[in-house]
Amino acid sequence: MSRGIGIGLLVIAASVAVGAEPSAVALPPGVKAVWDLDKAYREATPTRERICINGLWRWQPAEAGADQTPAENWGCFKVPGCWPGIGNYMQKDSQTVHAHPNWKQRRLGGLTAAWYEREITIPGSWAGRRIAVSIEYLNSYAAVYVDGVKTGEVRFPGGEVDLTSVCRPGGTHRLSLLVVALPLKGVILSYTDSASAREVKGSVARRGLCGDVYLVSTPAGPHLADVRVQTSVRKQEITLDVAVAGPETEGQYSLRTRVLKDGRSVKEFTSQIFRADDARQGRIKSTEKW
């Protein structure tokens, strides 16, 4: 039996800080870190949900070659927020670093790597779903760790890491990110060799987790990881170039597309049936006349 994979778009135009719990550094009066997901901004449908995990995270400078999550010397810094050091006429530093005494005197303007950390509690209702962390704007590379174990990587400008195999619905876990600021050349190199990419020197204007971060749950099984739409007026064609993640070897699939204008369907089409082996580098293309 073949299964269709639908294409949809969800746009969020708001973000809310949701905070953290006490860290190693003492916070000033009136500053509180709360990591209670019940107080977080969220969006939900019957099958999908995402929860904003912005707010004060544990934070500290790191070496670019680091690969072990720290156990001490934590300060705090806000997510989202660019690291200190922006001083041009268009933008100034706007976030406060709550520094640990062991690195309080360190100059952060030239920082190229930093650790982030907070606890996350996975909702029990997410049992049987795919669970991921989504970073909306990253400059430039992040290694994602859960309970000290490296789980995946995200690169500029953003993306997701699947946490399903390392997170238990109803359980509490330690989410850590090693974020490295890389110039564009370094970002490209990181796809083949993350260690070499970290050695590339260059200037990055806005560094760190500069956009919202979410915990995301979606239906388990095959899903679309990326969608590119290419149009040609001369050929009167529309091409969908999509990345299909998690297809079963014996499964058969098709892409169903619907184009809307003012809420009204103006074009619908279905691709030919394909299998996992038909995907080139994990991607499928479907071209239709329109």
Protein backbone atom coordinates (compact mmCIF):
# COMPACT_ATOMS: atom_id res chain seq x y z
CA MET A 1 0.00 0.00 0.00
CA SER A 2 1.34 3.43 -0.87
CA ARG A 3 1.28 6.35 1.54
CA GLY A 4 1.10 10.02 0.69
CA ILE A 5 3.28 12.63 2.34
CA GLY A 6 1.53 15.99 2.55
CA ILE A 7 3.27 19.37 2.41
CA GLY A 8 2.30 22.08 4.87
CA LEU A 9 3.66 25.33 6.29
CA LEU A 10 3.33 26.63 9.85
CA VAL A 11 4.39 30.21 10.54
CA ILE A 12 4.97 31.50 14.08
CA ALA A 13 5.17 35.24 14.64
CA ALA A 14 5.71 35.34 18.42
CA SER A 15 8.15 34.11 21.03
CA VAL A 16 8.01 33.99 24.82
CA ALA A 17 10.79 33.38 27.32
CA VAL A 18 10.12 30.38 29.51
CA GLY A 19 13.13 30.37 31.78
CA ALA A 20 15.23 27.96 33.84
CA GLU A 21 16.08 26.76 37.32
CA PRO A 22 18.91 28.00 39.60
CA SER A 23 22.42 27.61 38.13
CA ALA A 24 25.91 27.71 39.62
CA VAL A 25 26.03 31.51 39.51
CA ALA A 26 23.91 33.63 41.85
CA LEU A 27 21.41 35.70 39.86
CA PRO A 28 20.71 39.35 40.77
CA PRO A 29 17.55 40.29 42.71
CA GLY A 30 14.51 40.19 40.45
CA VAL A 31 16.15 37.83 37.92
CA LYS A 32 14.69 34.33 38.01
CA ALA A 33 15.26 31.33 35.79
CA VAL A 34 12.23 29.04 35.37
CA TRP A 35 12.35 25.83 33.31
CA ASP A 36 8.69 24.87 33.77
CA LEU A 37 7.29 23.84 30.37
CA ASP A 38 3.73 24.27 31.65
CA LYS A 39 4.38 28.03 31.57
CA ALA A 40 5.95 27.98 28.10
CA TYR A 41 4.45 29.25 24.86
CA ARG A 42 3.18 26.33 22.79
CA GLU A 43 1.21 25.45 19.67
CA ALA A 44 -0.65 22.18 19.34
CA THR A 45 -2.82 20.20 16.94
CA PRO A 46 -4.25 16.70 17.54
CA THR A 47 -1.02 15.15 16.20
CA ARG A 48 1.70 17.82 16.52
CA GLU A 49 2.99 20.17 19.18
CA ARG A 50 5.88 22.50 19.75
CA ILE A 51 6.96 24.16 22.99
CA CYS A 52 9.20 27.22 23.22
CA ILE A 53 12.24 26.69 25.46
CA ASN A 54 13.58 30.25 25.29
CA GLY A 55 14.71 32.03 28.43
CA LEU A 56 17.74 31.97 30.71
CA TRP A 57 19.97 28.97 30.03
CA ARG A 58 23.16 27.91 31.73
CA TRP A 59 26.03 29.33 29.68
CA GLN A 60 29.81 29.54 29.65
CA PRO A 61 32.67 30.13 27.18
CA ALA A 62 34.14 27.03 25.54
CA GLU A 63 37.07 25.95 23.43
CA ALA A 64 36.17 25.22 19.81
CA GLY A 65 37.53 21.67 20.09
CA ALA A 66 35.54 20.80 23.24
CA ASP A 67 33.49 17.60 23.23
CA GLN A 68 32.63 16.98 26.91
CA THR A 69 29.75 18.83 28.54
CA PRO A 70 30.96 20.88 31.55
CA ALA A 71 29.98 19.94 35.10
CA GLU A 72 30.71 23.32 36.74
CA ASN A 73 31.52 27.01 36.18
CA TRP A 74 28.08 27.73 34.73
CA GLY A 75 26.83 31.27 34.31
CA CYS A 76 23.57 32.30 32.61
CA PHE A 77 22.65 33.90 29.28
CA LYS A 78 19.35 34.47 27.49
CA VAL A 79 18.09 32.45 24.54
CA PRO A 80 17.65 33.89 21.98
CA GLY A 81 20.46 36.40 22.19
CA CYS A 82 23.65 37.32 20.32
CA TRP A 83 26.90 36.96 22.27
CA PRO A 84 28.51 40.15 23.58
CA GLY A 85 30.75 42.13 21.24
CA ILE A 86 28.36 43.85 18.83
CA GLY A 87 29.28 47.52 18.74
CA ASN A 88 28.44 48.94 15.31
CA TYR A 89 26.18 51.92 14.77
CA MET A 90 23.18 49.75 13.78
CA GLN A 91 23.09 47.41 16.79
CA LYS A 92 24.47 47.33 20.32
CA ASP A 93 24.73 44.58 22.90
CA SER A 94 21.35 44.18 24.58
CA GLN A 95 21.65 40.98 26.67
CA THR A 96 23.27 40.58 30.08
CA VAL A 97 25.80 37.84 30.75
CA HIS A 98 25.51 36.50 34.31
CA ALA A 99 29.13 35.40 34.56
CA HIS A 100 30.63 32.77 36.85
CA PRO A 101 33.54 34.12 38.96
CA ASN A 102 35.99 31.70 37.26
CA TRP A 103 35.58 33.43 33.88
CA LYS A 104 34.05 36.76 34.84
CA GLN A 105 37.13 38.71 33.66
CA ARG A 106 37.32 37.00 30.27
CA ARG A 107 36.81 39.24 27.24
CA LEU A 108 33.81 37.84 25.34
CA GLY A 109 33.96 40.06 22.25
CA GLY A 110 36.21 37.59 20.44
CA LEU A 111 34.51 34.43 21.72
CA THR A 112 34.19 31.71 19.09
CA ALA A 113 32.51 28.91 21.09
CA ALA A 114 30.18 28.57 24.08
CA TRP A 115 28.21 25.92 25.95
CA TYR A 116 24.47 26.20 26.59
CA GLU A 117 22.51 23.94 28.92
CA ARG A 118 19.08 23.51 30.53
CA GLU A 119 16.77 20.75 31.66
CA ILE A 120 13.79 19.65 29.59
CA THR A 121 10.83 17.53 30.68
CA ILE A 122 9.23 15.64 27.79
CA PRO A 123 5.40 15.67 28.00
CA GLY A 124 3.96 12.23 28.69
CA SER A 125 1.42 12.83 25.91
CA TRP A 126 4.27 12.68 23.38
CA ALA A 127 4.60 8.89 23.73
CA GLY A 128 4.79 7.27 20.30
CA ARG A 129 5.72 10.51 18.55
CA ARG A 130 8.94 11.74 16.97
CA ILE A 131 10.64 14.22 19.35
CA ALA A 132 13.12 16.85 18.17
CA VAL A 133 14.79 20.10 19.17
CA SER A 134 14.38 22.87 16.59
CA ILE A 135 16.71 25.88 16.32
CA GLU A 136 15.35 28.69 14.16
CA TYR A 137 18.42 30.93 13.74
CA LEU A 138 21.91 29.70 14.57
CA ASN A 139 25.26 31.33 13.95
CA SER A 140 26.83 29.08 13.02
CA TYR A 141 27.21 25.44 14.21
CA ALA A 142 25.79 23.51 17.18
CA ALA A 143 26.55 20.05 18.50
CA VAL A 144 23.54 18.78 20.47
CA TYR A 145 23.96 16.60 23.57
CA VAL A 146 21.32 14.89 25.71
CA ASP A 147 22.44 13.75 29.18
CA GLY A 148 26.05 14.24 28.06
CA VAL A 149 25.78 12.10 24.90
CA LYS A 150 26.17 13.73 21.49
CA THR A 151 22.95 13.27 19.52
CA GLY A 152 23.31 15.38 16.37
CA GLU A 153 24.39 18.63 14.73
CA VAL A 154 22.73 21.79 13.40
CA ARG A 155 24.26 24.31 11.01
CA PHE A 156 23.51 27.86 9.88
CA PRO A 157 20.83 29.09 9.46
CA GLY A 158 19.00 26.50 11.61
CA GLY A 159 17.44 23.04 11.71
CA GLU A 160 16.31 20.10 13.83
CA VAL A 161 17.91 17.19 15.67
CA ASP A 162 15.87 14.04 16.33
CA LEU A 163 15.85 13.22 20.06
CA THR A 164 13.36 10.34 19.97
CA SER A 165 15.89 7.61 20.77
CA VAL A 166 17.42 9.48 23.74
CA CYS A 167 14.37 11.09 25.36
CA ARG A 168 11.65 9.36 27.36
CA PRO A 169 8.15 10.89 27.38
CA GLY A 170 7.44 11.91 30.96
CA GLY A 171 11.16 12.00 31.78
CA THR A 172 13.50 14.91 32.53
CA HIS A 173 16.74 15.24 30.56
CA ARG A 174 19.73 17.56 30.37
CA LEU A 175 19.94 19.33 26.99
CA SER A 176 23.38 20.79 26.19
CA LEU A 177 24.59 22.59 23.07
CA LEU A 178 28.14 23.43 22.02
CA VAL A 179 27.71 26.44 19.73
CA VAL A 180 30.60 27.53 17.51
CA ALA A 181 30.68 30.78 15.51
CA LEU A 182 31.99 30.01 12.02
CA PRO A 183 32.39 32.10 8.86
CA LEU A 184 30.55 30.77 5.80
CA LYS A 185 33.59 28.75 4.66
CA GLY A 186 33.66 27.02 8.03
CA VAL A 187 29.95 26.20 7.84
CA ILE A 188 30.50 24.53 4.47
CA LEU A 189 33.50 22.55 5.78
CA SER A 190 31.50 21.38 8.78
CA TYR A 191 29.35 19.17 6.54
CA THR A 192 32.40 16.98 5.83
CA ASP A 193 34.66 17.51 8.85
CA SER A 194 33.38 19.39 11.90
CA ALA A 195 36.82 19.38 13.55
CA SER A 196 38.52 21.09 10.59
CA ALA A 197 35.71 23.62 10.29
CA ARG A 198 36.29 24.82 13.83
CA GLU A 199 39.87 25.79 12.90
CA VAL A 200 38.73 28.22 10.20
CA LYS A 201 39.26 31.79 11.35
CA GLY A 202 36.85 34.54 10.40
CA SER A 203 34.55 37.23 11.69
CA VAL A 204 30.91 36.50 12.53
CA ALA A 205 28.86 39.59 13.38
CA ARG A 206 26.06 37.96 15.36
CA ARG A 207 27.07 34.76 17.14
CA GLY A 208 25.19 32.12 19.09
CA LEU A 209 21.55 31.05 19.38
CA CYS A 210 20.05 34.14 17.76
CA GLY A 211 16.54 32.74 17.18
CA ASP A 212 13.84 30.82 19.02
CA VAL A 213 14.41 27.25 20.20
CA TYR A 214 11.57 24.71 20.41
CA LEU A 215 10.88 21.17 21.52
CA VAL A 216 8.85 19.61 18.72
CA SER A 217 6.70 16.48 18.52
CA THR A 218 5.37 15.11 15.23
CA PRO A 219 3.88 11.79 14.12
CA ALA A 220 6.42 8.95 14.08
CA GLY A 221 7.54 7.50 10.78
CA PRO A 222 8.53 8.99 7.42
CA HIS A 223 8.33 12.78 7.14
CA LEU A 224 9.52 15.69 5.02
CA ALA A 225 12.75 17.17 6.36
CA ASP A 226 13.14 19.93 3.76
CA VAL A 227 11.10 21.31 0.85
CA ARG A 228 12.33 23.37 -2.09
CA VAL A 229 9.92 24.78 -4.66
CA GLN A 230 11.24 25.65 -8.14
CA THR A 231 9.03 27.32 -10.74
CA SER A 232 9.48 27.94 -14.48
CA VAL A 233 7.16 30.31 -16.32
CA ARG A 234 8.82 29.47 -19.65
CA LYS A 235 8.23 25.73 -19.23
CA GLN A 236 4.97 26.21 -17.31
CA GLU A 237 6.25 23.82 -14.65
CA ILE A 238 6.51 23.59 -10.88
CA THR A 239 9.10 21.29 -9.29
CA LEU A 240 9.15 20.05 -5.72
CA ASP A 241 12.57 18.96 -4.43
CA VAL A 242 12.04 17.38 -1.01
CA ALA A 243 14.13 15.53 1.56
CA VAL A 244 12.34 12.44 2.86
CA ALA A 245 13.49 11.28 6.31
CA GLY A 246 12.87 7.84 7.81
CA PRO A 247 11.27 5.99 4.87
CA GLU A 248 10.85 2.24 5.34
CA THR A 249 12.80 0.08 2.90
CA GLU A 250 9.73 -1.84 1.72
CA GLY A 251 7.34 1.12 1.84
CA GLN A 252 5.81 2.90 -1.15
CA TYR A 253 5.15 6.63 -1.04
CA SER A 254 3.85 9.54 -3.05
CA LEU A 255 3.89 13.32 -2.65
CA ARG A 256 0.52 15.07 -2.58
CA THR A 257 0.62 18.81 -3.20
CA ARG A 258 -2.09 21.44 -2.92
CA VAL A 259 -1.56 25.10 -3.85
CA LEU A 260 -3.80 27.61 -2.07
CA LYS A 261 -4.71 31.20 -2.88
CA ASP A 262 -6.80 33.17 -0.39
CA GLY A 263 -7.66 29.88 1.29
CA ARG A 264 -8.97 28.36 -1.95
CA SER A 265 -7.34 25.41 -3.70
CA VAL A 266 -6.09 26.42 -7.16
CA LYS A 267 -3.96 23.40 -8.04
CA GLU A 268 -3.55 19.84 -6.76
CA PHE A 269 -1.36 17.02 -8.01
CA THR A 270 0.18 13.74 -6.84
CA SER A 271 3.64 12.45 -7.72
CA GLN A 272 4.47 9.02 -9.03
CA ILE A 273 4.87 6.30 -6.40
CA PHE A 274 8.44 5.94 -5.14
CA ARG A 275 10.42 3.78 -2.71
CA ALA A 276 13.24 4.63 -0.32
CA ASP A 277 15.81 3.41 -2.87
CA ASP A 278 14.54 5.94 -5.41
CA ALA A 279 15.68 8.88 -3.31
CA ARG A 280 18.99 10.37 -4.44
CA GLN A 281 20.94 11.49 -1.39
CA GLY A 282 17.66 11.28 0.50
CA ARG A 283 15.77 13.60 -1.86
CA ILE A 284 12.89 13.16 -4.32
CA LYS A 285 11.94 15.49 -7.18
CA SER A 286 8.49 15.80 -8.67
CA THR A 287 7.73 18.06 -11.65
CA GLU A 288 4.22 18.93 -12.84
CA LYS A 289 2.79 21.13 -15.56
CA TRP A 290 1.00 24.24 -14.31
